[in-house]
Amino acid sequence: MREAFEVGVQPRFVTYAFGSVWVSNYFDGGVMRLDPATGEVLAQVETAQGPQVMLEAMGSLWVSCTDADVVQRIDPATNEIVAEVATPVAPDGLAYAPFIVWVATEGGPRIAGIDTSTDEILATAEVGEEGFINANQLMVFEANSLWLPILGRGVVLRVTPPASTVE
């Protein structure tokens, strides 16, 4: 069986959270929420430009909006954006560690930690001397480390997240 569902011009990422399938649409600047049984659009959330990676954490759906240099937090109960956090440059990958949403930014490369209770950046750090974090990538938090690919260098970095200080 194969079914196709219209979700806009340029869908980027898909994730399952809160009983729904969520699709980020880079070109249209939004996130669609679909019923996984029927494909019916349950909600359309207008985001900042360039939505990419989505992450379920602390009862919210977090979305990196690369072209707007922000991460937005969506409340799945209302399908509305309830917070917006400015990041260093072009946020891309997201990962969750207890009470912190980690954001990998494309340039630098750089990471930033968002405190999920205040929606504020609590730590930032350069994680490499050159290169870009791979656009359209996923970052994971495992064994107290962030793992992220570096485009054009043929490496994956394992980084210990910084303490709660902003550089």
Protein backbone atom coordinates (compact mmCIF):
# COMPACT_ATOMS: atom_id res chain seq x y z
CA MET A 1 0.00 0.00 0.00
CA ARG A 2 1.18 3.49 -0.82
CA GLU A 3 -0.58 6.78 -0.11
CA ALA A 4 0.52 10.34 -0.78
CA PHE A 5 -0.64 13.34 1.23
CA GLU A 6 -0.28 16.97 0.12
CA VAL A 7 1.81 18.90 2.65
CA GLY A 8 3.09 21.93 0.74
CA VAL A 9 5.89 22.80 -1.62
CA GLN A 10 9.01 21.64 0.23
CA PRO A 11 8.52 19.26 3.15
CA ARG A 12 11.78 18.77 5.07
CA PHE A 13 11.33 16.65 8.18
CA VAL A 14 8.70 14.40 9.66
CA THR A 15 8.33 13.28 13.26
CA TYR A 16 5.77 11.51 15.40
CA ALA A 17 4.70 13.27 18.60
CA PHE A 18 1.55 13.70 20.66
CA GLY A 19 -0.35 11.07 18.67
CA SER A 20 0.23 12.87 15.38
CA VAL A 21 2.60 13.02 12.44
CA TRP A 22 4.22 16.47 12.12
CA VAL A 23 5.79 17.74 8.87
CA SER A 24 7.99 20.84 8.58
CA ASN A 25 7.63 22.73 5.31
CA TYR A 26 10.75 24.79 4.67
CA PHE A 27 9.45 26.86 1.77
CA ASP A 28 5.96 27.58 3.11
CA GLY A 29 7.19 28.49 6.61
CA GLY A 30 5.01 26.18 8.63
CA VAL A 31 4.41 22.87 10.32
CA MET A 32 1.48 20.58 9.51
CA ARG A 33 -0.06 18.16 11.99
CA LEU A 34 -1.54 15.02 10.40
CA ASP A 35 -3.74 12.22 11.66
CA PRO A 36 -1.54 9.13 11.27
CA ALA A 37 -4.54 6.89 10.48
CA THR A 38 -6.08 9.03 7.74
CA GLY A 39 -3.47 11.61 6.69
CA GLU A 40 -6.03 14.33 7.38
CA VAL A 41 -4.53 17.72 8.23
CA LEU A 42 -5.43 18.40 11.86
CA ALA A 43 -3.64 21.73 12.14
CA GLN A 44 -1.33 24.08 10.30
CA VAL A 45 1.02 26.14 12.42
CA GLU A 46 2.63 29.16 10.77
CA THR A 47 6.25 29.35 11.90
CA ALA A 48 9.17 31.64 11.26
CA GLN A 49 10.86 31.10 7.89
CA GLY A 50 12.81 27.92 7.23
CA PRO A 51 11.34 25.34 9.66
CA GLN A 52 13.41 22.19 9.71
CA VAL A 53 14.10 19.75 12.53
CA MET A 54 11.35 19.09 15.09
CA LEU A 55 11.73 17.59 18.55
CA GLU A 56 9.28 16.48 21.23
CA ALA A 57 10.45 17.62 24.67
CA MET A 58 8.83 18.71 27.92
CA GLY A 59 5.28 18.56 26.55
CA SER A 60 6.04 20.72 23.51
CA LEU A 61 7.12 20.40 19.91
CA TRP A 62 10.30 22.39 19.27
CA VAL A 63 11.10 23.55 15.71
CA SER A 64 14.38 24.95 14.40
CA CYS A 65 13.73 27.78 11.91
CA THR A 66 16.99 28.09 10.01
CA ASP A 67 16.31 31.23 7.99
CA ALA A 68 14.99 33.21 10.96
CA ASP A 69 17.69 32.23 13.50
CA VAL A 70 15.10 31.08 16.04
CA VAL A 71 13.77 27.95 17.68
CA GLN A 72 10.02 27.98 18.25
CA ARG A 73 8.04 26.01 20.83
CA ILE A 74 4.58 24.73 19.85
CA ASP A 75 1.95 23.76 22.41
CA PRO A 76 0.31 20.59 21.04
CA ALA A 77 -2.88 21.28 23.02
CA THR A 78 -3.53 24.52 21.13
CA ASN A 79 -1.30 24.08 18.04
CA GLU A 80 0.09 27.56 18.71
CA ILE A 81 3.61 28.90 19.11
CA VAL A 82 4.10 29.69 22.80
CA ALA A 83 7.77 30.70 22.78
CA GLU A 84 10.49 31.83 20.41
CA VAL A 85 14.17 31.69 21.28
CA ALA A 86 16.79 33.57 19.26
CA THR A 87 19.85 31.43 18.52
CA PRO A 88 23.40 32.26 17.38
CA VAL A 89 23.12 31.53 13.60
CA ALA A 90 20.92 29.25 11.51
CA PRO A 91 19.62 26.66 14.00
CA ASP A 92 19.39 23.18 12.59
CA GLY A 93 19.79 20.00 14.66
CA LEU A 94 17.94 19.59 17.96
CA ALA A 95 18.51 17.14 20.80
CA TYR A 96 17.02 16.79 24.26
CA ALA A 97 18.94 16.27 27.49
CA PRO A 98 17.17 16.57 30.86
CA PHE A 99 15.54 20.02 30.94
CA ILE A 100 17.63 21.38 28.06
CA VAL A 101 16.95 21.49 24.33
CA TRP A 102 20.32 21.58 22.57
CA VAL A 103 20.52 23.41 19.24
CA ALA A 104 23.26 22.90 16.68
CA THR A 105 23.76 25.94 14.47
CA GLU A 106 24.98 25.50 10.91
CA GLY A 107 27.88 27.93 11.14
CA GLY A 108 30.77 27.82 13.54
CA PRO A 109 29.98 25.10 14.30
CA ARG A 110 28.26 26.16 17.51
CA ILE A 111 25.79 24.68 19.99
CA ALA A 112 23.36 26.43 22.31
CA GLY A 113 21.32 25.04 25.18
CA ILE A 114 17.77 26.26 25.81
CA ASP A 115 16.43 25.99 29.36
CA THR A 116 12.98 24.40 28.87
CA SER A 117 11.58 26.08 31.99
CA THR A 118 12.49 29.65 30.96
CA ASP A 119 12.85 29.38 27.15
CA GLU A 120 16.20 31.19 27.41
CA ILE A 121 19.67 30.29 26.16
CA LEU A 122 21.66 29.12 29.16
CA ALA A 123 24.86 27.93 27.48
CA THR A 124 26.68 28.28 24.17
CA ALA A 125 29.94 26.88 22.86
CA GLU A 126 32.02 26.59 19.72
CA VAL A 127 32.41 22.89 19.01
CA GLY A 128 34.87 22.95 16.13
CA GLU A 129 37.50 25.09 14.50
CA GLU A 130 35.97 25.03 11.05
CA GLY A 131 33.25 23.57 8.97
CA PHE A 132 29.52 23.51 9.05
CA ILE A 133 27.16 21.26 10.88
CA ASN A 134 25.46 19.21 8.19
CA ALA A 135 22.28 20.98 7.11
CA ASN A 136 19.25 18.73 7.30
CA GLN A 137 20.90 16.63 9.95
CA LEU A 138 19.89 15.18 13.24
CA MET A 139 21.86 15.55 16.43
CA VAL A 140 21.52 13.11 19.30
CA PHE A 141 22.21 13.21 23.02
CA GLU A 142 23.58 9.92 24.32
CA ALA A 143 25.95 8.98 27.16
CA ASN A 144 26.08 12.61 28.37
CA SER A 145 27.35 13.76 24.98
CA LEU A 146 25.99 15.47 21.90
CA TRP A 147 26.81 13.73 18.61
CA LEU A 148 26.71 15.82 15.44
CA PRO A 149 27.99 15.46 11.85
CA ILE A 150 30.32 18.04 10.31
CA LEU A 151 29.72 18.67 6.62
CA GLY A 152 32.75 18.43 4.35
CA ARG A 153 35.13 17.04 6.97
CA GLY A 154 34.01 13.42 7.08
CA VAL A 155 33.62 13.40 10.85
CA VAL A 156 31.02 13.14 13.55
CA LEU A 157 31.78 15.15 16.67
CA ARG A 158 31.15 13.88 20.18
CA VAL A 159 30.84 16.95 22.40
CA THR A 160 30.37 17.26 26.14
CA PRO A 161 27.76 20.01 26.57
CA PRO A 162 29.04 23.16 28.30
CA ALA A 163 28.04 24.24 31.77
CA SER A 164 25.21 26.71 32.18
CA THR A 165 27.03 29.81 31.01
CA VAL A 166 26.64 31.93 27.89
CA GLU A 167 29.90 32.86 26.15
